[in-house]
C-alpha atoms as a PDB file:
ATOM      1  CA  MET A   1       0.000   0.000   0.000  1.00  0.00           C
ATOM      2  CA  LYS A   2       1.415   3.356  -0.996  1.00  0.00           C
ATOM      3  CA  ARG A   3       1.172   5.942   1.746  1.00  0.00           C
ATOM      4  CA  THR A   4       1.152   9.594   0.808  1.00  0.00           C
ATOM      5  CA  GLU A   5      -0.259  11.277   3.898  1.00  0.00           C
ATOM      6  CA  ASN A   6       1.191  11.809   7.352  1.00  0.00           C
ATOM      7  CA  LEU A   7      -0.901  14.436   9.130  1.00  0.00           C
ATOM      8  CA  SER A   8       1.303  16.060  11.785  1.00  0.00           C
ATOM      9  CA  PHE A   9       0.917  18.648  14.563  1.00  0.00           C
ATOM     10  CA  VAL A  10       3.719  21.148  14.039  1.00  0.00           C
ATOM     11  CA  LEU A  11       5.258  23.911  16.131  1.00  0.00           C
ATOM     12  CA  GLU A  12       5.978  26.575  13.532  1.00  0.00           C
ATOM     13  CA  GLY A  13       7.379  29.155  15.951  1.00  0.00           C
ATOM     14  CA  VAL A  14       6.769  30.559  19.424  1.00  0.00           C
ATOM     15  CA  GLN A  15       3.026  30.144  20.142  1.00  0.00           C
ATOM     16  CA  LYS A  16       2.404  29.188  16.504  1.00  0.00           C
ATOM     17  CA  LEU A  17       0.903  25.749  15.925  1.00  0.00           C
ATOM     18  CA  LYS A  18      -0.453  24.212  12.749  1.00  0.00           C
ATOM     19  CA  PHE A  19      -1.469  20.938  11.135  1.00  0.00           C
ATOM     20  CA  GLU A  20       0.664  19.877   8.205  1.00  0.00           C
ATOM     21  CA  ASP A  21       0.641  16.936   5.829  1.00  0.00           C
ATOM     22  CA  ARG A  22       4.178  15.576   5.780  1.00  0.00           C
ATOM     23  CA  PRO A  23       5.775  12.616   4.004  1.00  0.00           C
ATOM     24  CA  VAL A  24       5.348   9.238   5.635  1.00  0.00           C
ATOM     25  CA  PRO A  25       8.682   8.230   7.237  1.00  0.00           C
ATOM     26  CA  GLN A  26      10.618   5.611   5.300  1.00  0.00           C
ATOM     27  CA  LEU A  27      12.353   2.673   6.961  1.00  0.00           C
ATOM     28  CA  GLN A  28      16.049   3.574   7.085  1.00  0.00           C
ATOM     29  CA  ASP A  29      17.392   0.275   8.381  1.00  0.00           C
ATOM     30  CA  PRO A  30      16.338  -3.404   8.179  1.00  0.00           C
ATOM     31  CA  HIS A  31      15.635  -3.238  11.938  1.00  0.00           C
ATOM     32  CA  ASP A  32      13.259  -0.252  11.636  1.00  0.00           C
ATOM     33  CA  VAL A  33       9.545  -0.263  12.352  1.00  0.00           C
ATOM     34  CA  LEU A  34       6.835   2.105  11.083  1.00  0.00           C
ATOM     35  CA  VAL A  35       4.224   2.827  13.746  1.00  0.00           C
ATOM     36  CA  ARG A  36       0.705   4.176  13.310  1.00  0.00           C
ATOM     37  CA  VAL A  37       0.438   6.484  16.337  1.00  0.00           C
ATOM     38  CA  LYS A  38      -2.751   6.002  18.386  1.00  0.00           C
ATOM     39  CA  PHE A  39      -2.321   8.095  21.547  1.00  0.00           C
ATOM     40  CA  THR A  40       0.121  10.794  22.644  1.00  0.00           C
ATOM     41  CA  GLY A  41       0.399  12.494  26.023  1.00  0.00           C
ATOM     42  CA  ILE A  42       1.290  16.160  26.345  1.00  0.00           C
ATOM     43  CA  CYS A  43       4.492  16.786  28.296  1.00  0.00           C
ATOM     44  CA  GLY A  44       5.514  20.016  29.989  1.00  0.00           C
ATOM     45  CA  SER A  45       8.482  20.225  27.636  1.00  0.00           C
ATOM     46  CA  ASP A  46       6.125  20.302  24.631  1.00  0.00           C
ATOM     47  CA  VAL A  47       4.241  23.215  26.190  1.00  0.00           C
ATOM     48  CA  HIS A  48       7.496  24.968  27.067  1.00  0.00           C
ATOM     49  CA  TYR A  49       8.763  24.768  23.478  1.00  0.00           C
ATOM     50  CA  TRP A  50       5.403  26.152  22.335  1.00  0.00           C
ATOM     51  CA  ASN A  51       5.573  29.059  24.794  1.00  0.00           C
ATOM     52  CA  CYS A  52       9.261  29.896  24.677  1.00  0.00           C
ATOM     53  CA  GLY A  53      10.781  28.128  21.682  1.00  0.00           C
ATOM     54  CA  GLN A  54      13.728  26.911  23.720  1.00  0.00           C
ATOM     55  CA  ILE A  55      14.749  24.696  26.646  1.00  0.00           C
ATOM     56  CA  GLY A  56      18.339  25.239  27.717  1.00  0.00           C
ATOM     57  CA  PRO A  57      20.573  24.811  24.653  1.00  0.00           C
ATOM     58  CA  PHE A  58      17.770  23.276  22.566  1.00  0.00           C
ATOM     59  CA  LYS A  59      16.207  25.983  20.414  1.00  0.00           C
ATOM     60  CA  VAL A  60      13.429  25.602  17.843  1.00  0.00           C
ATOM     61  CA  GLU A  61      14.961  27.021  14.663  1.00  0.00           C
ATOM     62  CA  LYS A  62      12.673  25.355  12.107  1.00  0.00           C
ATOM     63  CA  PRO A  63       9.143  23.865  12.203  1.00  0.00           C
ATOM     64  CA  MET A  64       9.077  20.790  14.447  1.00  0.00           C
ATOM     65  CA  VAL A  65       6.493  18.090  15.068  1.00  0.00           C
ATOM     66  CA  LEU A  66       5.659  17.967  18.789  1.00  0.00           C
ATOM     67  CA  GLY A  67       5.045  14.975  21.059  1.00  0.00           C
ATOM     68  CA  HIS A  68       7.049  12.091  22.504  1.00  0.00           C
ATOM     69  CA  GLU A  69       4.736  10.179  24.884  1.00  0.00           C
ATOM     70  CA  SER A  70       3.130   7.774  22.442  1.00  0.00           C
ATOM     71  CA  SER A  71       1.682   4.356  21.795  1.00  0.00           C
ATOM     72  CA  GLY A  72       0.646   2.855  18.492  1.00  0.00           C
ATOM     73  CA  ILE A  73       0.219  -0.116  16.193  1.00  0.00           C
ATOM     74  CA  VAL A  74       2.956  -1.600  14.023  1.00  0.00           C
ATOM     75  CA  GLU A  75       2.225  -0.721  10.383  1.00  0.00           C
ATOM     76  CA  GLN A  76       5.359  -1.982   8.630  1.00  0.00           C
ATOM     77  CA  ILE A  77       8.539  -3.817   9.648  1.00  0.00           C
ATOM     78  CA  GLY A  78      12.020  -3.998   8.214  1.00  0.00           C
ATOM     79  CA  SER A  79      13.435  -7.198   6.744  1.00  0.00           C
ATOM     80  CA  LYS A  80      15.459  -8.059   9.881  1.00  0.00           C
ATOM     81  CA  VAL A  81      12.784  -7.321  12.512  1.00  0.00           C
ATOM     82  CA  THR A  82      12.168 -10.499  14.517  1.00  0.00           C
ATOM     83  CA  THR A  83      10.357  -9.457  17.707  1.00  0.00           C
ATOM     84  CA  LEU A  84       7.388  -7.595  16.207  1.00  0.00           C
ATOM     85  CA  LYS A  85       4.828  -8.125  13.474  1.00  0.00           C
ATOM     86  CA  VAL A  86       2.355  -5.880  11.686  1.00  0.00           C
ATOM     87  CA  GLY A  87      -0.633  -5.227  13.941  1.00  0.00           C
ATOM     88  CA  ASP A  88       1.233  -5.478  17.257  1.00  0.00           C
ATOM     89  CA  ARG A  89       0.298  -2.877  19.886  1.00  0.00           C
ATOM     90  CA  ILE A  90       3.396  -1.106  21.184  1.00  0.00           C
ATOM     91  CA  THR A  91       4.656   1.756  23.306  1.00  0.00           C
ATOM     92  CA  MET A  92       7.418   3.894  21.860  1.00  0.00           C
ATOM     93  CA  GLU A  93      10.695   4.870  23.516  1.00  0.00           C
ATOM     94  CA  PRO A  94      11.278   8.112  21.621  1.00  0.00           C
ATOM     95  CA  GLY A  95      15.038   8.614  21.860  1.00  0.00           C
ATOM     96  CA  GLU A  96      17.477   6.983  19.468  1.00  0.00           C
ATOM     97  CA  PRO A  97      21.072   6.915  20.802  1.00  0.00           C
ATOM     98  CA  CYS A  98      24.184   6.455  18.679  1.00  0.00           C
ATOM     99  CA  ARG A  99      24.930   3.066  20.329  1.00  0.00           C
ATOM    100  CA  ARG A 100      28.690   3.593  19.860  1.00  0.00           C
ATOM    101  CA  CYS A 101      29.836   6.179  22.432  1.00  0.00           C
ATOM    102  CA  ASP A 102      31.075   5.336  25.938  1.00  0.00           C
ATOM    103  CA  ALA A 103      27.749   6.326  27.526  1.00  0.00           C
ATOM    104  CA  CYS A 104      25.838   3.960  25.256  1.00  0.00           C
ATOM    105  CA  LYS A 105      28.279   1.100  25.774  1.00  0.00           C
ATOM    106  CA  ILE A 106      27.903   1.153  29.570  1.00  0.00           C
ATOM    107  CA  GLY A 107      24.097   1.324  29.461  1.00  0.00           C
ATOM    108  CA  THR A 108      23.607   5.018  30.232  1.00  0.00           C
ATOM    109  CA  TYR A 109      22.423   5.743  26.715  1.00  0.00           C
ATOM    110  CA  ASN A 110      20.242   8.601  27.983  1.00  0.00           C
ATOM    111  CA  LEU A 111      23.517  10.545  28.286  1.00  0.00           C
ATOM    112  CA  CYS A 112      24.503   9.897  24.658  1.00  0.00           C
ATOM    113  CA  PRO A 113      25.746  13.211  23.205  1.00  0.00           C
ATOM    114  CA  ALA A 114      24.300  12.281  19.804  1.00  0.00           C
ATOM    115  CA  MET A 115      20.842  11.314  21.118  1.00  0.00           C
ATOM    116  CA  ALA A 116      18.079  11.945  18.566  1.00  0.00           C
ATOM    117  CA  PHE A 117      15.123  12.552  20.875  1.00  0.00           C
ATOM    118  CA  ALA A 118      11.611  13.125  19.559  1.00  0.00           C
ATOM    119  CA  ALA A 119      10.382  16.735  19.766  1.00  0.00           C
ATOM    120  CA  THR A 120      13.769  18.002  20.925  1.00  0.00           C
ATOM    121  CA  PRO A 121      15.227  20.315  18.275  1.00  0.00           C
ATOM    122  CA  PRO A 122      16.090  19.540  15.555  1.00  0.00           C
ATOM    123  CA  TYR A 123      14.216  16.206  15.690  1.00  0.00           C
ATOM    124  CA  ASP A 124      10.518  15.802  14.928  1.00  0.00           C
ATOM    125  CA  GLY A 125       8.189  14.233  17.460  1.00  0.00           C
ATOM    126  CA  THR A 126       5.422  11.676  17.475  1.00  0.00           C
ATOM    127  CA  LEU A 127       2.263  13.802  17.110  1.00  0.00           C
ATOM    128  CA  ALA A 128       1.706  12.496  13.616  1.00  0.00           C
ATOM    129  CA  GLN A 129      -0.097   9.654  11.916  1.00  0.00           C
ATOM    130  CA  TYR A 130       3.122   7.663  11.399  1.00  0.00           C
ATOM    131  CA  TYR A 131       6.477   7.546  13.152  1.00  0.00           C
ATOM    132  CA  ARG A 132       9.612   5.472  12.524  1.00  0.00           C
ATOM    133  CA  LEU A 133      11.650   3.819  15.279  1.00  0.00           C
ATOM    134  CA  PRO A 134      14.189   0.999  15.600  1.00  0.00           C
ATOM    135  CA  GLU A 135      12.690  -2.327  16.645  1.00  0.00           C
ATOM    136  CA  ASP A 136      14.333  -2.365  20.070  1.00  0.00           C
ATOM    137  CA  LEU A 137      12.743   0.972  21.011  1.00  0.00           C
ATOM    138  CA  CYS A 138       9.254  -0.430  20.375  1.00  0.00           C
ATOM    139  CA  TYR A 139       7.911  -2.441  23.317  1.00  0.00           C
ATOM    140  CA  GLN A 140       4.969  -4.775  22.789  1.00  0.00           C
ATOM    141  CA  LEU A 141       2.129  -4.151  25.211  1.00  0.00           C
ATOM    142  CA  PRO A 142       0.762  -7.033  27.280  1.00  0.00           C
ATOM    143  CA  ASP A 143      -2.840  -7.988  26.503  1.00  0.00           C
ATOM    144  CA  SER A 144      -3.889  -6.532  29.848  1.00  0.00           C
ATOM    145  CA  MET A 145      -2.708  -3.042  28.872  1.00  0.00           C
ATOM    146  CA  SER A 146      -4.610  -0.571  26.712  1.00  0.00           C
ATOM    147  CA  LEU A 147      -3.046   1.719  24.142  1.00  0.00           C
ATOM    148  CA  GLU A 148      -4.045   4.623  26.385  1.00  0.00           C
ATOM    149  CA  GLN A 149      -1.924   3.102  29.157  1.00  0.00           C
ATOM    150  CA  GLY A 150       0.816   2.592  26.591  1.00  0.00           C
ATOM    151  CA  ALA A 151       1.040   6.366  26.107  1.00  0.00           C
ATOM    152  CA  LEU A 152       1.798   6.696  29.833  1.00  0.00           C
ATOM    153  CA  VAL A 153       4.852   4.422  29.777  1.00  0.00           C
ATOM    154  CA  GLU A 154       7.152   7.290  28.766  1.00  0.00           C
ATOM    155  CA  PRO A 155       6.419   9.586  31.750  1.00  0.00           C
ATOM    156  CA  LEU A 156       6.276   6.549  34.034  1.00  0.00           C
ATOM    157  CA  SER A 157       9.768   5.577  32.823  1.00  0.00           C
ATOM    158  CA  VAL A 158      10.996   9.039  33.835  1.00  0.00           C
ATOM    159  CA  ALA A 159       9.619   8.379  37.321  1.00  0.00           C
ATOM    160  CA  VAL A 160      11.122   4.886  37.415  1.00  0.00           C
ATOM    161  CA  HIS A 161      14.528   6.345  36.541  1.00  0.00           C
ATOM    162  CA  LEU A 162      14.221   8.995  39.271  1.00  0.00           C
ATOM    163  CA  VAL A 163      13.282   6.471  41.936  1.00  0.00           C
ATOM    164  CA  ARG A 164      16.024   4.086  40.824  1.00  0.00           C
ATOM    165  CA  GLN A 165      18.535   6.948  40.967  1.00  0.00           C
ATOM    166  CA  ALA A 166      17.507   7.491  44.577  1.00  0.00           C
ATOM    167  CA  ASN A 167      17.784   3.764  45.398  1.00  0.00           C
ATOM    168  CA  VAL A 168      14.526   3.909  47.321  1.00  0.00           C
ATOM    169  CA  SER A 169      14.281   0.951  49.705  1.00  0.00           C
ATOM    170  CA  PRO A 170      11.476  -0.830  51.611  1.00  0.00           C
ATOM    171  CA  GLY A 171      10.328   0.900  54.790  1.00  0.00           C
ATOM    172  CA  SER A 172      11.840   4.236  53.818  1.00  0.00           C
ATOM    173  CA  SER A 173      10.461   7.778  53.758  1.00  0.00           C
ATOM    174  CA  ILE A 174      10.470   9.976  50.673  1.00  0.00           C
ATOM    175  CA  VAL A 175       9.369  13.538  49.950  1.00  0.00           C
ATOM    176  CA  VAL A 176       8.434  14.342  46.346  1.00  0.00           C
ATOM    177  CA  PHE A 177       8.329  18.009  45.353  1.00  0.00           C
ATOM    178  CA  GLY A 178       5.929  18.777  42.499  1.00  0.00           C
ATOM    179  CA  ALA A 179       2.589  16.995  42.103  1.00  0.00           C
ATOM    180  CA  GLY A 180       2.436  17.142  38.337  1.00  0.00           C
ATOM    181  CA  PRO A 181       2.349  13.908  36.317  1.00  0.00           C
ATOM    182  CA  VAL A 182       6.008  12.934  36.910  1.00  0.00           C
ATOM    183  CA  GLY A 183       5.905  13.801  40.608  1.00  0.00           C
ATOM    184  CA  LEU A 184       2.700  11.832  41.096  1.00  0.00           C
ATOM    185  CA  LEU A 185       4.198   8.860  39.273  1.00  0.00           C
ATOM    186  CA  CYS A 186       7.314   9.123  41.456  1.00  0.00           C
ATOM    187  CA  CYS A 187       5.033   8.767  44.482  1.00  0.00           C
ATOM    188  CA  ALA A 188       3.478   5.653  42.970  1.00  0.00           C
ATOM    189  CA  VAL A 189       6.808   4.077  41.977  1.00  0.00           C
ATOM    190  CA  ALA A 190       8.365   4.822  45.374  1.00  0.00           C
ATOM    191  CA  LYS A 191       5.411   3.119  47.039  1.00  0.00           C
ATOM    192  CA  ALA A 192       5.793   0.132  44.703  1.00  0.00           C
ATOM    193  CA  PHE A 193       9.469  -0.003  45.732  1.00  0.00           C
ATOM    194  CA  GLY A 194       8.400  -0.294  49.375  1.00  0.00           C
ATOM    195  CA  ALA A 195       8.528   3.254  50.730  1.00  0.00           C
ATOM    196  CA  THR A 196       6.070   3.548  53.632  1.00  0.00           C
ATOM    197  CA  LYS A 197       5.980   7.332  53.927  1.00  0.00           C
ATOM    198  CA  VAL A 198       5.401   9.097  50.623  1.00  0.00           C
ATOM    199  CA  ILE A 199       4.851  12.843  51.034  1.00  0.00           C
ATOM    200  CA  ALA A 200       3.808  14.976  48.052  1.00  0.00           C
ATOM    201  CA  VAL A 201       4.587  18.710  48.110  1.00  0.00           C
ATOM    202  CA  ASP A 202       3.012  21.327  45.864  1.00  0.00           C
ATOM    203  CA  ILE A 203       1.749  24.914  45.994  1.00  0.00           C
ATOM    204  CA  GLN A 204      -1.575  23.981  44.340  1.00  0.00           C
ATOM    205  CA  PRO A 205      -4.080  22.520  46.840  1.00  0.00           C
ATOM    206  CA  GLY A 206      -6.000  20.775  44.043  1.00  0.00           C
ATOM    207  CA  ARG A 207      -2.901  18.861  42.995  1.00  0.00           C
ATOM    208  CA  LEU A 208      -2.303  17.829  46.597  1.00  0.00           C
ATOM    209  CA  GLU A 209      -5.881  16.587  46.937  1.00  0.00           C
ATOM    210  CA  PHE A 210      -5.349  14.418  43.860  1.00  0.00           C
ATOM    211  CA  ALA A 211      -1.975  13.188  45.186  1.00  0.00           C
ATOM    212  CA  LYS A 212      -3.610  12.015  48.418  1.00  0.00           C
ATOM    213  CA  ARG A 213      -6.305  10.139  46.462  1.00  0.00           C
ATOM    214  CA  PHE A 214      -3.600   8.657  44.227  1.00  0.00           C
ATOM    215  CA  GLU A 215      -0.526   7.270  46.013  1.00  0.00           C
ATOM    216  CA  ALA A 216       0.822   9.844  48.485  1.00  0.00           C
ATOM    217  CA  THR A 217       0.449   8.823  52.131  1.00  0.00           C
ATOM    218  CA  SER A 218       0.373  12.508  53.085  1.00  0.00           C
ATOM    219  CA  THR A 219       0.800  15.938  51.531  1.00  0.00           C
ATOM    220  CA  PHE A 220       2.362  19.282  52.391  1.00  0.00           C
ATOM    221  CA  LEU A 221       1.453  22.806  51.293  1.00  0.00           C
ATOM    222  CA  PRO A 222       4.452  25.145  51.759  1.00  0.00           C
ATOM    223  CA  GLY A 223       3.905  28.397  53.577  1.00  0.00           C
ATOM    224  CA  SER A 224       5.410  31.836  53.010  1.00  0.00           C
ATOM    225  CA  GLY A 225       8.323  31.230  55.372  1.00  0.00           C
ATOM    226  CA  SER A 226      11.886  30.303  54.500  1.00  0.00           C
ATOM    227  CA  ALA A 227      12.968  26.962  53.069  1.00  0.00           C
ATOM    228  CA  LEU A 228      14.355  25.974  56.474  1.00  0.00           C
ATOM    229  CA  GLU A 229      11.091  26.892  58.195  1.00  0.00           C
ATOM    230  CA  ASN A 230       9.054  24.896  55.680  1.00  0.00           C
ATOM    231  CA  ALA A 231      11.404  21.925  56.021  1.00  0.00           C
ATOM    232  CA  THR A 232      11.091  22.025  59.802  1.00  0.00           C
ATOM    233  CA  ARG A 233       7.285  22.105  59.622  1.00  0.00           C
ATOM    234  CA  LEU A 234       7.268  19.328  57.008  1.00  0.00           C
ATOM    235  CA  ARG A 235       9.368  17.087  59.244  1.00  0.00           C
ATOM    236  CA  THR A 236       7.222  17.813  62.311  1.00  0.00           C
ATOM    237  CA  GLU A 237       3.834  17.368  60.632  1.00  0.00           C
ATOM    238  CA  ASN A 238       4.911  14.070  59.056  1.00  0.00           C
ATOM    239  CA  ASP A 239       6.796  12.600  62.012  1.00  0.00           C
ATOM    240  CA  LEU A 240      10.047  12.385  60.054  1.00  0.00           C
ATOM    241  CA  GLY A 241      12.309  12.743  63.079  1.00  0.00           C
ATOM    242  CA  ASN A 242      15.601  14.270  61.957  1.00  0.00           C
ATOM    243  CA  GLY A 243      14.584  14.099  58.297  1.00  0.00           C
ATOM    244  CA  ALA A 244      13.486  12.079  55.311  1.00  0.00           C
ATOM    245  CA  ASP A 245      15.519   9.272  53.760  1.00  0.00           C
ATOM    246  CA  PHE A 246      14.991  10.455  50.175  1.00  0.00           C
ATOM    247  CA  VAL A 247      13.926  13.579  48.322  1.00  0.00           C
ATOM    248  CA  ILE A 248      12.996  13.817  44.655  1.00  0.00           C
ATOM    249  CA  ASP A 249      12.411  17.234  43.144  1.00  0.00           C
ATOM    250  CA  ALA A 250      10.112  17.066  40.141  1.00  0.00           C
ATOM    251  CA  SER A 251       9.341  20.790  40.144  1.00  0.00           C
ATOM    252  CA  GLY A 252      12.559  22.615  39.270  1.00  0.00           C
ATOM    253  CA  ALA A 253      11.541  25.430  41.643  1.00  0.00           C
ATOM    254  CA  GLU A 254      14.332  26.993  43.681  1.00  0.00           C
ATOM    255  CA  ALA A 255      12.211  27.027  46.847  1.00  0.00           C
ATOM    256  CA  SER A 256      11.545  23.299  46.486  1.00  0.00           C
ATOM    257  CA  ILE A 257      15.222  22.532  45.921  1.00  0.00           C
ATOM    258  CA  ASN A 258      16.212  24.426  49.059  1.00  0.00           C
ATOM    259  CA  THR A 259      13.458  22.893  51.172  1.00  0.00           C
ATOM    260  CA  GLY A 260      14.369  19.443  49.886  1.00  0.00           C
ATOM    261  CA  ILE A 261      17.988  19.763  50.979  1.00  0.00           C
ATOM    262  CA  HIS A 262      16.923  20.941  54.443  1.00  0.00           C
ATOM    263  CA  VAL A 263      14.294  18.226  54.952  1.00  0.00           C
ATOM    264  CA  LEU A 264      16.735  15.324  54.482  1.00  0.00           C
ATOM    265  CA  HIS A 265      18.409  13.643  57.426  1.00  0.00           C
ATOM    266  CA  PRO A 266      22.227  13.453  57.486  1.00  0.00           C
ATOM    267  CA  GLY A 267      23.410  10.998  54.848  1.00  0.00           C
ATOM    268  CA  GLY A 268      20.111  11.218  52.939  1.00  0.00           C
ATOM    269  CA  THR A 269      19.757  11.163  49.159  1.00  0.00           C
ATOM    270  CA  TYR A 270      18.522  14.012  46.967  1.00  0.00           C
ATOM    271  CA  VAL A 271      17.636  13.528  43.285  1.00  0.00           C
ATOM    272  CA  GLN A 272      16.954  16.433  40.928  1.00  0.00           C
ATOM    273  CA  GLY A 273      14.546  15.713  38.091  1.00  0.00           C
ATOM    274  CA  GLY A 274      12.655  18.959  37.544  1.00  0.00           C
ATOM    275  CA  MET A 275      14.195  21.542  35.249  1.00  0.00           C
ATOM    276  CA  GLY A 276      13.680  25.180  36.145  1.00  0.00           C
ATOM    277  CA  ARG A 277      16.107  28.042  35.735  1.00  0.00           C
ATOM    278  CA  ASP A 278      19.571  27.131  34.502  1.00  0.00           C
ATOM    279  CA  GLU A 279      21.089  28.372  37.775  1.00  0.00           C
ATOM    280  CA  VAL A 280      19.591  28.606  41.277  1.00  0.00           C
ATOM    281  CA  ASN A 281      20.735  29.548  44.778  1.00  0.00           C
ATOM    282  CA  PHE A 282      21.657  26.354  46.589  1.00  0.00           C
ATOM    283  CA  PRO A 283      22.165  25.575  50.344  1.00  0.00           C
ATOM    284  CA  ILE A 284      25.632  24.142  49.877  1.00  0.00           C
ATOM    285  CA  THR A 285      26.570  24.295  53.559  1.00  0.00           C
ATOM    286  CA  ALA A 286      23.647  22.091  54.554  1.00  0.00           C
ATOM    287  CA  ALA A 287      24.466  19.670  51.718  1.00  0.00           C
ATOM    288  CA  CYS A 288      28.080  19.410  52.873  1.00  0.00           C
ATOM    289  CA  THR A 289      27.601  19.219  56.636  1.00  0.00           C
ATOM    290  CA  LYS A 290      24.929  16.530  56.268  1.00  0.00           C
ATOM    291  CA  GLU A 291      27.053  14.604  53.726  1.00  0.00           C
ATOM    292  CA  LEU A 292      24.091  14.255  51.399  1.00  0.00           C
ATOM    293  CA  VAL A 293      24.151  12.116  48.286  1.00  0.00           C
ATOM    294  CA  ILE A 294      23.067  14.409  45.441  1.00  0.00           C
ATOM    295  CA  LYS A 295      22.224  13.109  41.972  1.00  0.00           C
ATOM    296  CA  GLY A 296      20.748  14.341  38.740  1.00  0.00           C
ATOM    297  CA  SER A 297      18.255  12.381  36.684  1.00  0.00           C
ATOM    298  CA  PHE A 298      17.679  12.715  32.938  1.00  0.00           C
ATOM    299  CA  ARG A 299      14.961  10.871  31.033  1.00  0.00           C
ATOM    300  CA  TYR A 300      15.453   7.068  31.347  1.00  0.00           C
ATOM    301  CA  SER A 301      17.930   4.377  30.401  1.00  0.00           C
ATOM    302  CA  SER A 302      18.548   0.650  30.449  1.00  0.00           C
ATOM    303  CA  GLY A 303      15.672  -1.322  31.957  1.00  0.00           C
ATOM    304  CA  ASP A 304      13.426   1.616  32.831  1.00  0.00           C
ATOM    305  CA  TYR A 305      10.856   1.079  30.069  1.00  0.00           C
ATOM    306  CA  LYS A 306      10.537  -2.636  30.773  1.00  0.00           C
ATOM    307  CA  LEU A 307      10.026  -2.017  34.489  1.00  0.00           C
ATOM    308  CA  ALA A 308       7.478   0.724  33.783  1.00  0.00           C
ATOM    309  CA  ILE A 309       5.474  -1.691  31.622  1.00  0.00           C
ATOM    310  CA  GLN A 310       5.619  -4.356  34.348  1.00  0.00           C
ATOM    311  CA  LEU A 311       4.388  -1.883  36.978  1.00  0.00           C
ATOM    312  CA  LEU A 312       1.500  -0.840  34.741  1.00  0.00           C
ATOM    313  CA  ALA A 313       0.564  -4.349  33.652  1.00  0.00           C
ATOM    314  CA  SER A 314       0.505  -5.576  37.269  1.00  0.00           C
ATOM    315  CA  GLN A 315      -1.371  -2.435  38.362  1.00  0.00           C
ATOM    316  CA  GLN A 316       1.219  -1.775  41.046  1.00  0.00           C
ATOM    317  CA  VAL A 317       1.113   1.674  39.463  1.00  0.00           C
ATOM    318  CA  LYS A 318      -2.320   2.774  38.256  1.00  0.00           C
ATOM    319  CA  ALA A 319      -1.075   5.496  35.960  1.00  0.00           C
ATOM    320  CA  GLN A 320      -4.329   5.521  33.978  1.00  0.00           C
ATOM    321  CA  GLU A 321      -5.919   7.377  36.908  1.00  0.00           C
ATOM    322  CA  LEU A 322      -3.920  10.443  35.824  1.00  0.00           C
ATOM    323  CA  ILE A 323      -5.743  10.705  32.494  1.00  0.00           C
ATOM    324  CA  THR A 324      -8.046  13.719  32.672  1.00  0.00           C
ATOM    325  CA  GLU A 325      -9.181  13.863  29.058  1.00  0.00           C
ATOM    326  CA  ILE A 326      -8.636  12.286  25.642  1.00  0.00           C
ATOM    327  CA  VAL A 327      -9.095  14.726  22.755  1.00  0.00           C
ATOM    328  CA  LYS A 328      -9.311  14.238  19.017  1.00  0.00           C
ATOM    329  CA  PHE A 329      -6.258  15.017  16.896  1.00  0.00           C
ATOM    330  CA  GLU A 330      -7.941  18.067  15.369  1.00  0.00           C
ATOM    331  CA  ASP A 331      -8.388  19.498  18.892  1.00  0.00           C
ATOM    332  CA  ALA A 332      -4.673  19.243  19.741  1.00  0.00           C
ATOM    333  CA  GLU A 333      -4.187  22.999  20.127  1.00  0.00           C
ATOM    334  CA  ARG A 334      -7.037  23.223  22.638  1.00  0.00           C
ATOM    335  CA  ALA A 335      -5.409  20.382  24.575  1.00  0.00           C
ATOM    336  CA  PHE A 336      -2.147  22.329  24.717  1.00  0.00           C
ATOM    337  CA  GLN A 337      -4.012  25.388  25.977  1.00  0.00           C
ATOM    338  CA  ASN A 338      -5.632  23.328  28.719  1.00  0.00           C
ATOM    339  CA  VAL A 339      -2.269  21.948  29.840  1.00  0.00           C
ATOM    340  CA  LYS A 340      -0.791  25.452  29.874  1.00  0.00           C
ATOM    341  CA  ALA A 341      -3.695  26.650  32.015  1.00  0.00           C
ATOM    342  CA  GLY A 342      -3.164  23.807  34.469  1.00  0.00           C
ATOM    343  CA  ARG A 343      -6.481  22.119  33.735  1.00  0.00           C
ATOM    344  CA  GLY A 344      -6.298  18.439  34.599  1.00  0.00           C
ATOM    345  CA  ILE A 345      -3.362  16.128  35.186  1.00  0.00           C
ATOM    346  CA  LYS A 346      -2.590  14.261  31.948  1.00  0.00           C
ATOM    347  CA  ILE A 347      -4.274  14.919  28.613  1.00  0.00           C
ATOM    348  CA  LEU A 348      -3.940  12.466  25.727  1.00  0.00           C
ATOM    349  CA  ILE A 349      -4.346  13.293  22.045  1.00  0.00           C
ATOM    350  CA  ALA A 350      -5.757  10.521  19.872  1.00  0.00           C
ATOM    351  CA  GLY A 351      -4.042   9.827  16.565  1.00  0.00           C
ATOM    352  CA  PRO A 352      -5.505  11.153  13.312  1.00  0.00           C
ATOM    353  CA  GLU A 353      -8.638   9.353  12.193  1.00  0.00           C
ATOM    354  CA  GLU A 354      -8.179   7.235   9.091  1.00  0.00           C
END
């Protein structure tokens, strides 16, 4: 069958979105797979590119297809594909590493300097009718999982990576700053890993109410005081003694970063996942005198997608509860506006109708 249409949702420039019919991607390698995209979640990075045209060094300099949280159905396979067949339901890992650099060879391919990541300039994303990926970045969904759940594997993998970076252990306490989709999923993954105290922190009471209904064992609304004062109150209200075992920041806010450092007990672990300003004021004395373990976390790497699928399939993490709305492809711009306005938790965009 000859394909001539690939309807795509394109960021043309700052706050300029349009639909565009683009060429259907061609298989570039015998191990490639062509996917008919069925559902795509909207990520904060997509909205940020739309609003600002840039995240750190990544600047939108030409029209770019948005989206990277997607599931779909295999439409075509290369001659050497052995693990998938046409018609299989899959979730898509949207970053293609070089596979040759030192980072790739040791399994930390998320740090590959030549990573081609969907909807990160200059690479097009997955908000289109068709998308091409290598076979090993397409994961078949278990029968128990829906394609809607498949679109949640990408953000869940981010949370899995964050919690694995922290080395969360059974019986531990963790404070998660930011009750957006990734922060909420961090709460769920930490609980699945055995954490018994999971405290969600946010400045929006509605988000905290959802977090408590979801997987947080308790919540905390920061006050107008200093980071140290908020940390002290957080510890007291949640019976954390001299501090929490782990902190994950999924907000990127300077106030959260500072409070997170202060709320940890000596020897605790802090993991930064949220991206805010390039540079922030940081309580370095507290970090040093408490001998904290401080780590960054970037996307996901070896094993994270497979574990995310297992957590979803077993319903140890009920990520589908985050889905607020599913909109038609032609309503994609309205969906972006809703995410920007903070309406809902996770909005999915259905693929173009055939």
